[in-house]
Amino acid sequence: MAFDWSFVQRYAPFFVNGTLMTIFISVFGILLAIAVGLICAGIEIARIPVARQIVRVYIELSRNTPLLVQLYFLYFGLPKLGVVWSAQTCAIVGLGFLGGSYMAEAMRGGLESVPNVQRETAYVLGLTPLQSITRVVLPQAISTAVPGLVANVIFLFKESSVVSAIALADVMYMAKDLIGMYYSTYESLFMLIVAYLVILLPISIFGTWLERRFDYARR
């Protein structure tokens, strides 16, 4: 069967809209995941009683249940409890819930990689606890955590493909819709691959540059 370029030209605008939706929910989901991860990592590093155990339960629950199950709970389960969210909100919260655990582990690893002597030296030099964290600990922790954080960002962008299961018109939804209506599998998959490359390739390149930049700064 010949590849139908006219089909690609006709329906490319639909994929553009789907790509924008994917970027929208992924960006806000990742920002939520970073915020959740930072809070959880801080609690674990500070070893706060009870809260630390709650964080560990959350991390295990989040990492050991599929995103699809989490989305179904948010979209179909919460209304049974009187909480009704839009598909977009469920997608963002779902990505944030899943990604928060991965971000927390990456950030915790970065924070724990900073030797205690660095903190002690900061105190000796007269820095306040806040200055010690922002000027000494965090720059070193981020440089160590960058590879994991970039990998998690790419992972969450790819996981966003699952949100089509709750009728959210992302790029995956567009591909499945066109395949179901016109049976143009090759053309639809081609546009799907191009859409994900447009999204993920710049992130991957930027992440590689960032890793090298921080690696150079550590030398």
C-alpha atoms as a PDB file:
ATOM      1  CA  MET A   1       0.000   0.000   0.000  1.00  0.00           C
ATOM      2  CA  ALA A   2       1.416   3.386  -1.050  1.00  0.00           C
ATOM      3  CA  PHE A   3       2.028   6.012   1.567  1.00  0.00           C
ATOM      4  CA  ASP A   4      -0.641   8.732   1.218  1.00  0.00           C
ATOM      5  CA  TRP A   5       1.058  12.092   1.625  1.00  0.00           C
ATOM      6  CA  SER A   6      -2.191  13.926   0.885  1.00  0.00           C
ATOM      7  CA  PHE A   7      -3.691  12.342   4.001  1.00  0.00           C
ATOM      8  CA  VAL A   8      -0.758  13.646   6.034  1.00  0.00           C
ATOM      9  CA  GLN A   9      -1.195  17.160   4.646  1.00  0.00           C
ATOM     10  CA  ARG A  10      -4.949  17.091   5.277  1.00  0.00           C
ATOM     11  CA  TYR A  11      -4.803  15.935   8.900  1.00  0.00           C
ATOM     12  CA  ALA A  12      -1.497  17.406  10.063  1.00  0.00           C
ATOM     13  CA  PRO A  13      -3.330  20.380  11.675  1.00  0.00           C
ATOM     14  CA  PHE A  14      -5.195  17.893  13.918  1.00  0.00           C
ATOM     15  CA  PHE A  15      -1.861  16.525  15.093  1.00  0.00           C
ATOM     16  CA  VAL A  16      -0.608  20.035  15.745  1.00  0.00           C
ATOM     17  CA  ASN A  17      -3.579  20.608  18.057  1.00  0.00           C
ATOM     18  CA  GLY A  18      -2.982  17.242  19.708  1.00  0.00           C
ATOM     19  CA  THR A  19       0.699  18.041  20.149  1.00  0.00           C
ATOM     20  CA  LEU A  20      -0.137  21.354  21.831  1.00  0.00           C
ATOM     21  CA  MET A  21      -2.477  19.532  24.207  1.00  0.00           C
ATOM     22  CA  THR A  22       0.247  16.985  24.999  1.00  0.00           C
ATOM     23  CA  ILE A  23       2.739  19.765  25.713  1.00  0.00           C
ATOM     24  CA  PHE A  24       0.215  21.643  27.866  1.00  0.00           C
ATOM     25  CA  ILE A  25      -0.689  18.759  30.184  1.00  0.00           C
ATOM     26  CA  SER A  26       2.894  17.471  30.290  1.00  0.00           C
ATOM     27  CA  VAL A  27       4.446  20.816  31.227  1.00  0.00           C
ATOM     28  CA  PHE A  28       1.986  21.466  34.039  1.00  0.00           C
ATOM     29  CA  GLY A  29       2.173  17.844  35.168  1.00  0.00           C
ATOM     30  CA  ILE A  30       5.970  18.023  35.285  1.00  0.00           C
ATOM     31  CA  LEU A  31       5.914  21.310  37.211  1.00  0.00           C
ATOM     32  CA  LEU A  32       3.565  19.690  39.732  1.00  0.00           C
ATOM     33  CA  ALA A  33       5.833  16.638  39.898  1.00  0.00           C
ATOM     34  CA  ILE A  34       8.891  18.817  40.588  1.00  0.00           C
ATOM     35  CA  ALA A  35       7.059  20.641  43.381  1.00  0.00           C
ATOM     36  CA  VAL A  36       5.865  17.367  44.941  1.00  0.00           C
ATOM     37  CA  GLY A  37       9.300  15.802  44.528  1.00  0.00           C
ATOM     38  CA  LEU A  38      11.056  18.729  46.171  1.00  0.00           C
ATOM     39  CA  ILE A  39       8.724  18.627  49.180  1.00  0.00           C
ATOM     40  CA  CYS A  40       9.066  14.858  49.544  1.00  0.00           C
ATOM     41  CA  ALA A  41      12.856  14.952  49.179  1.00  0.00           C
ATOM     42  CA  GLY A  42      13.065  17.696  51.804  1.00  0.00           C
ATOM     43  CA  ILE A  43      10.960  15.673  54.231  1.00  0.00           C
ATOM     44  CA  GLU A  44      13.113  12.594  53.727  1.00  0.00           C
ATOM     45  CA  ILE A  45      16.392  14.467  54.113  1.00  0.00           C
ATOM     46  CA  ALA A  46      15.105  16.233  57.238  1.00  0.00           C
ATOM     47  CA  ARG A  47      13.904  12.850  58.576  1.00  0.00           C
ATOM     48  CA  ILE A  48      10.644  14.326  59.845  1.00  0.00           C
ATOM     49  CA  PRO A  49       8.790  11.684  61.898  1.00  0.00           C
ATOM     50  CA  VAL A  50       5.474  10.351  60.535  1.00  0.00           C
ATOM     51  CA  ALA A  51       5.695  12.631  57.474  1.00  0.00           C
ATOM     52  CA  ARG A  52       8.699  10.615  56.273  1.00  0.00           C
ATOM     53  CA  GLN A  53       6.723   7.369  56.537  1.00  0.00           C
ATOM     54  CA  ILE A  54       3.821   8.942  54.647  1.00  0.00           C
ATOM     55  CA  VAL A  55       6.220  10.013  51.897  1.00  0.00           C
ATOM     56  CA  ARG A  56       7.637   6.484  51.609  1.00  0.00           C
ATOM     57  CA  VAL A  57       4.121   5.035  51.311  1.00  0.00           C
ATOM     58  CA  TYR A  58       3.279   7.599  48.629  1.00  0.00           C
ATOM     59  CA  ILE A  59       6.449   6.832  46.662  1.00  0.00           C
ATOM     60  CA  GLU A  60       5.857   3.077  46.734  1.00  0.00           C
ATOM     61  CA  LEU A  61       2.171   3.493  45.829  1.00  0.00           C
ATOM     62  CA  SER A  62       2.933   5.903  42.993  1.00  0.00           C
ATOM     63  CA  ARG A  63       5.789   3.915  41.470  1.00  0.00           C
ATOM     64  CA  ASN A  64       4.087   0.531  41.707  1.00  0.00           C
ATOM     65  CA  THR A  65       0.727   1.383  40.150  1.00  0.00           C
ATOM     66  CA  PRO A  66       0.257   2.145  36.433  1.00  0.00           C
ATOM     67  CA  LEU A  67      -0.579   5.688  35.382  1.00  0.00           C
ATOM     68  CA  LEU A  68      -3.653   4.340  33.603  1.00  0.00           C
ATOM     69  CA  VAL A  69      -5.048   3.004  36.900  1.00  0.00           C
ATOM     70  CA  GLN A  70      -4.319   6.329  38.609  1.00  0.00           C
ATOM     71  CA  LEU A  71      -6.108   8.229  35.830  1.00  0.00           C
ATOM     72  CA  TYR A  72      -9.127   5.928  36.002  1.00  0.00           C
ATOM     73  CA  PHE A  73      -9.337   6.528  39.744  1.00  0.00           C
ATOM     74  CA  LEU A  74      -9.164  10.311  39.277  1.00  0.00           C
ATOM     75  CA  TYR A  75     -11.567  10.468  36.332  1.00  0.00           C
ATOM     76  CA  PHE A  76     -14.059   7.717  37.154  1.00  0.00           C
ATOM     77  CA  GLY A  77     -13.504   7.045  40.868  1.00  0.00           C
ATOM     78  CA  LEU A  78     -13.459  10.528  42.385  1.00  0.00           C
ATOM     79  CA  PRO A  79     -16.928  11.466  41.025  1.00  0.00           C
ATOM     80  CA  LYS A  80     -18.306   8.639  43.172  1.00  0.00           C
ATOM     81  CA  LEU A  81     -16.933  10.591  46.146  1.00  0.00           C
ATOM     82  CA  GLY A  82     -18.420  13.850  44.914  1.00  0.00           C
ATOM     83  CA  VAL A  83     -15.215  15.221  43.378  1.00  0.00           C
ATOM     84  CA  VAL A  84     -15.517  15.950  39.662  1.00  0.00           C
ATOM     85  CA  TRP A  85     -12.480  17.115  37.716  1.00  0.00           C
ATOM     86  CA  SER A  86     -12.069  17.797  34.006  1.00  0.00           C
ATOM     87  CA  ALA A  87     -10.015  15.426  31.886  1.00  0.00           C
ATOM     88  CA  GLN A  88      -7.219  18.004  31.695  1.00  0.00           C
ATOM     89  CA  THR A  89      -7.077  18.382  35.473  1.00  0.00           C
ATOM     90  CA  CYS A  90      -7.063  14.604  35.964  1.00  0.00           C
ATOM     91  CA  ALA A  91      -4.230  14.258  33.440  1.00  0.00           C
ATOM     92  CA  ILE A  92      -2.112  16.950  35.102  1.00  0.00           C
ATOM     93  CA  VAL A  93      -2.720  15.613  38.619  1.00  0.00           C
ATOM     94  CA  GLY A  94      -2.060  12.054  37.442  1.00  0.00           C
ATOM     95  CA  LEU A  95       1.255  12.999  35.857  1.00  0.00           C
ATOM     96  CA  GLY A  96       2.164  15.036  38.932  1.00  0.00           C
ATOM     97  CA  PHE A  97       1.297  12.148  41.248  1.00  0.00           C
ATOM     98  CA  LEU A  98       3.322   9.642  39.240  1.00  0.00           C
ATOM     99  CA  GLY A  99       6.227  11.955  38.474  1.00  0.00           C
ATOM    100  CA  GLY A 100       6.475  13.324  42.000  1.00  0.00           C
ATOM    101  CA  SER A 101       7.797  10.018  43.316  1.00  0.00           C
ATOM    102  CA  TYR A 102      10.466   9.764  40.619  1.00  0.00           C
ATOM    103  CA  MET A 103      11.472  13.396  41.056  1.00  0.00           C
ATOM    104  CA  ALA A 104      11.652  12.886  44.828  1.00  0.00           C
ATOM    105  CA  GLU A 105      14.082   9.989  44.459  1.00  0.00           C
ATOM    106  CA  ALA A 106      16.267  11.900  42.000  1.00  0.00           C
ATOM    107  CA  MET A 107      16.339  14.974  44.242  1.00  0.00           C
ATOM    108  CA  ARG A 108      16.957  12.938  47.374  1.00  0.00           C
ATOM    109  CA  GLY A 109      19.903  11.250  45.688  1.00  0.00           C
ATOM    110  CA  GLY A 110      21.300  14.637  44.703  1.00  0.00           C
ATOM    111  CA  LEU A 111      20.917  16.086  48.197  1.00  0.00           C
ATOM    112  CA  GLU A 112      22.460  13.036  49.853  1.00  0.00           C
ATOM    113  CA  SER A 113      25.448  13.220  47.491  1.00  0.00           C
ATOM    114  CA  VAL A 114      26.564  16.503  49.092  1.00  0.00           C
ATOM    115  CA  PRO A 115      29.048  15.666  51.888  1.00  0.00           C
ATOM    116  CA  ASN A 116      28.174  16.879  55.390  1.00  0.00           C
ATOM    117  CA  VAL A 117      31.529  18.649  55.507  1.00  0.00           C
ATOM    118  CA  GLN A 118      30.168  21.101  52.929  1.00  0.00           C
ATOM    119  CA  ARG A 119      27.316  22.083  55.246  1.00  0.00           C
ATOM    120  CA  GLU A 120      29.643  22.295  58.236  1.00  0.00           C
ATOM    121  CA  THR A 121      32.048  24.500  56.317  1.00  0.00           C
ATOM    122  CA  ALA A 122      29.190  26.799  55.333  1.00  0.00           C
ATOM    123  CA  TYR A 123      28.186  27.174  58.983  1.00  0.00           C
ATOM    124  CA  VAL A 124      31.791  27.883  59.983  1.00  0.00           C
ATOM    125  CA  LEU A 125      31.967  30.617  57.345  1.00  0.00           C
ATOM    126  CA  GLY A 126      28.956  32.268  58.950  1.00  0.00           C
ATOM    127  CA  LEU A 127      26.290  31.402  56.411  1.00  0.00           C
ATOM    128  CA  THR A 128      22.734  31.077  57.686  1.00  0.00           C
ATOM    129  CA  PRO A 129      20.933  27.722  57.209  1.00  0.00           C
ATOM    130  CA  LEU A 130      18.997  29.208  54.269  1.00  0.00           C
ATOM    131  CA  GLN A 131      22.170  30.576  52.658  1.00  0.00           C
ATOM    132  CA  SER A 132      23.892  27.250  53.227  1.00  0.00           C
ATOM    133  CA  ILE A 133      21.131  25.422  51.390  1.00  0.00           C
ATOM    134  CA  THR A 134      20.713  27.876  48.493  1.00  0.00           C
ATOM    135  CA  ARG A 135      24.390  28.704  47.910  1.00  0.00           C
ATOM    136  CA  VAL A 136      26.210  25.517  48.870  1.00  0.00           C
ATOM    137  CA  VAL A 137      23.969  22.465  49.019  1.00  0.00           C
ATOM    138  CA  LEU A 138      21.473  23.010  46.203  1.00  0.00           C
ATOM    139  CA  PRO A 139      23.977  23.906  43.433  1.00  0.00           C
ATOM    140  CA  GLN A 140      25.925  20.712  44.122  1.00  0.00           C
ATOM    141  CA  ALA A 141      22.789  18.610  44.558  1.00  0.00           C
ATOM    142  CA  ILE A 142      21.271  19.854  41.295  1.00  0.00           C
ATOM    143  CA  SER A 143      24.438  19.077  39.340  1.00  0.00           C
ATOM    144  CA  THR A 144      24.227  15.476  40.558  1.00  0.00           C
ATOM    145  CA  ALA A 145      20.469  15.169  40.091  1.00  0.00           C
ATOM    146  CA  VAL A 146      20.293  16.693  36.578  1.00  0.00           C
ATOM    147  CA  PRO A 147      20.623  13.380  34.639  1.00  0.00           C
ATOM    148  CA  GLY A 148      17.836  11.799  36.675  1.00  0.00           C
ATOM    149  CA  LEU A 149      15.615  14.868  36.437  1.00  0.00           C
ATOM    150  CA  VAL A 150      16.021  15.113  32.653  1.00  0.00           C
ATOM    151  CA  ALA A 151      15.286  11.402  32.277  1.00  0.00           C
ATOM    152  CA  ASN A 152      12.151  11.832  34.385  1.00  0.00           C
ATOM    153  CA  VAL A 153      10.974  14.778  32.275  1.00  0.00           C
ATOM    154  CA  ILE A 154      11.297  12.701  29.100  1.00  0.00           C
ATOM    155  CA  PHE A 155       9.621   9.750  30.843  1.00  0.00           C
ATOM    156  CA  LEU A 156       6.618  11.870  31.848  1.00  0.00           C
ATOM    157  CA  PHE A 157       6.242  13.331  28.364  1.00  0.00           C
ATOM    158  CA  LYS A 158       6.066   9.797  26.984  1.00  0.00           C
ATOM    159  CA  GLU A 159       3.718   8.628  29.742  1.00  0.00           C
ATOM    160  CA  SER A 160       1.318  11.420  28.786  1.00  0.00           C
ATOM    161  CA  SER A 161       0.257   9.221  25.858  1.00  0.00           C
ATOM    162  CA  VAL A 162      -1.915   7.290  28.320  1.00  0.00           C
ATOM    163  CA  VAL A 163      -4.235  10.250  28.950  1.00  0.00           C
ATOM    164  CA  SER A 164      -6.065   9.509  25.702  1.00  0.00           C
ATOM    165  CA  ALA A 165      -7.814   6.765  27.717  1.00  0.00           C
ATOM    166  CA  ILE A 166      -9.903   9.447  29.486  1.00  0.00           C
ATOM    167  CA  ALA A 167     -10.967  11.052  26.203  1.00  0.00           C
ATOM    168  CA  LEU A 168      -8.417  13.841  26.270  1.00  0.00           C
ATOM    169  CA  ALA A 169      -7.597  14.951  22.731  1.00  0.00           C
ATOM    170  CA  ASP A 170      -3.826  14.657  22.910  1.00  0.00           C
ATOM    171  CA  VAL A 171      -1.601  13.554  20.051  1.00  0.00           C
ATOM    172  CA  MET A 172      -2.113   9.835  20.808  1.00  0.00           C
ATOM    173  CA  TYR A 173      -5.878  10.312  20.812  1.00  0.00           C
ATOM    174  CA  MET A 174      -5.668  11.934  17.382  1.00  0.00           C
ATOM    175  CA  ALA A 175      -3.655   9.022  15.991  1.00  0.00           C
ATOM    176  CA  LYS A 176      -6.043   6.375  17.327  1.00  0.00           C
ATOM    177  CA  ASP A 177      -9.045   8.364  16.118  1.00  0.00           C
ATOM    178  CA  LEU A 178      -7.746   8.666  12.563  1.00  0.00           C
ATOM    179  CA  ILE A 179      -6.713   5.013  12.440  1.00  0.00           C
ATOM    180  CA  GLY A 180     -10.174   3.981  13.629  1.00  0.00           C
ATOM    181  CA  MET A 181     -12.013   6.178  11.113  1.00  0.00           C
ATOM    182  CA  TYR A 182      -9.858   5.885   7.988  1.00  0.00           C
ATOM    183  CA  TYR A 183      -7.608   2.855   8.610  1.00  0.00           C
ATOM    184  CA  SER A 184      -4.627   5.007   7.582  1.00  0.00           C
ATOM    185  CA  THR A 185      -2.306   3.315  10.044  1.00  0.00           C
ATOM    186  CA  TYR A 186       1.052   4.144   8.471  1.00  0.00           C
ATOM    187  CA  GLU A 187       0.246   7.808   7.872  1.00  0.00           C
ATOM    188  CA  SER A 188      -1.177   8.282  11.381  1.00  0.00           C
ATOM    189  CA  LEU A 189       1.761   6.544  13.051  1.00  0.00           C
ATOM    190  CA  PHE A 190       4.179   8.585  10.947  1.00  0.00           C
ATOM    191  CA  MET A 191       2.614  11.837  12.175  1.00  0.00           C
ATOM    192  CA  LEU A 192       2.571  10.490  15.732  1.00  0.00           C
ATOM    193  CA  ILE A 193       6.289   9.690  15.614  1.00  0.00           C
ATOM    194  CA  VAL A 194       7.092  13.092  14.138  1.00  0.00           C
ATOM    195  CA  ALA A 195       5.041  14.809  16.855  1.00  0.00           C
ATOM    196  CA  TYR A 196       6.903  13.033  19.660  1.00  0.00           C
ATOM    197  CA  LEU A 197      10.260  13.716  18.026  1.00  0.00           C
ATOM    198  CA  VAL A 198       9.406  17.414  17.795  1.00  0.00           C
ATOM    199  CA  ILE A 199       8.593  17.395  21.513  1.00  0.00           C
ATOM    200  CA  LEU A 200      11.287  15.124  22.921  1.00  0.00           C
ATOM    201  CA  LEU A 201      14.338  15.654  20.720  1.00  0.00           C
ATOM    202  CA  PRO A 202      14.931  19.278  21.845  1.00  0.00           C
ATOM    203  CA  ILE A 203      14.482  18.214  25.478  1.00  0.00           C
ATOM    204  CA  SER A 204      16.998  15.404  25.046  1.00  0.00           C
ATOM    205  CA  ILE A 205      19.537  17.710  23.367  1.00  0.00           C
ATOM    206  CA  PHE A 206      19.055  20.399  26.011  1.00  0.00           C
ATOM    207  CA  GLY A 207      19.369  17.787  28.773  1.00  0.00           C
ATOM    208  CA  THR A 208      22.646  16.515  27.328  1.00  0.00           C
ATOM    209  CA  TRP A 209      23.998  20.068  27.144  1.00  0.00           C
ATOM    210  CA  LEU A 210      22.869  20.724  30.715  1.00  0.00           C
ATOM    211  CA  GLU A 211      24.578  17.587  32.010  1.00  0.00           C
ATOM    212  CA  ARG A 212      27.848  18.574  30.321  1.00  0.00           C
ATOM    213  CA  ARG A 213      27.541  22.117  31.650  1.00  0.00           C
ATOM    214  CA  PHE A 214      27.123  20.961  35.249  1.00  0.00           C
ATOM    215  CA  ASP A 215      29.813  18.315  34.801  1.00  0.00           C
ATOM    216  CA  TYR A 216      32.219  21.004  33.597  1.00  0.00           C
ATOM    217  CA  ALA A 217      31.255  23.244  36.519  1.00  0.00           C
ATOM    218  CA  ARG A 218      32.124  20.465  39.005  1.00  0.00           C
ATOM    219  CA  ARG A 219      35.667  20.141  37.655  1.00  0.00           C
END
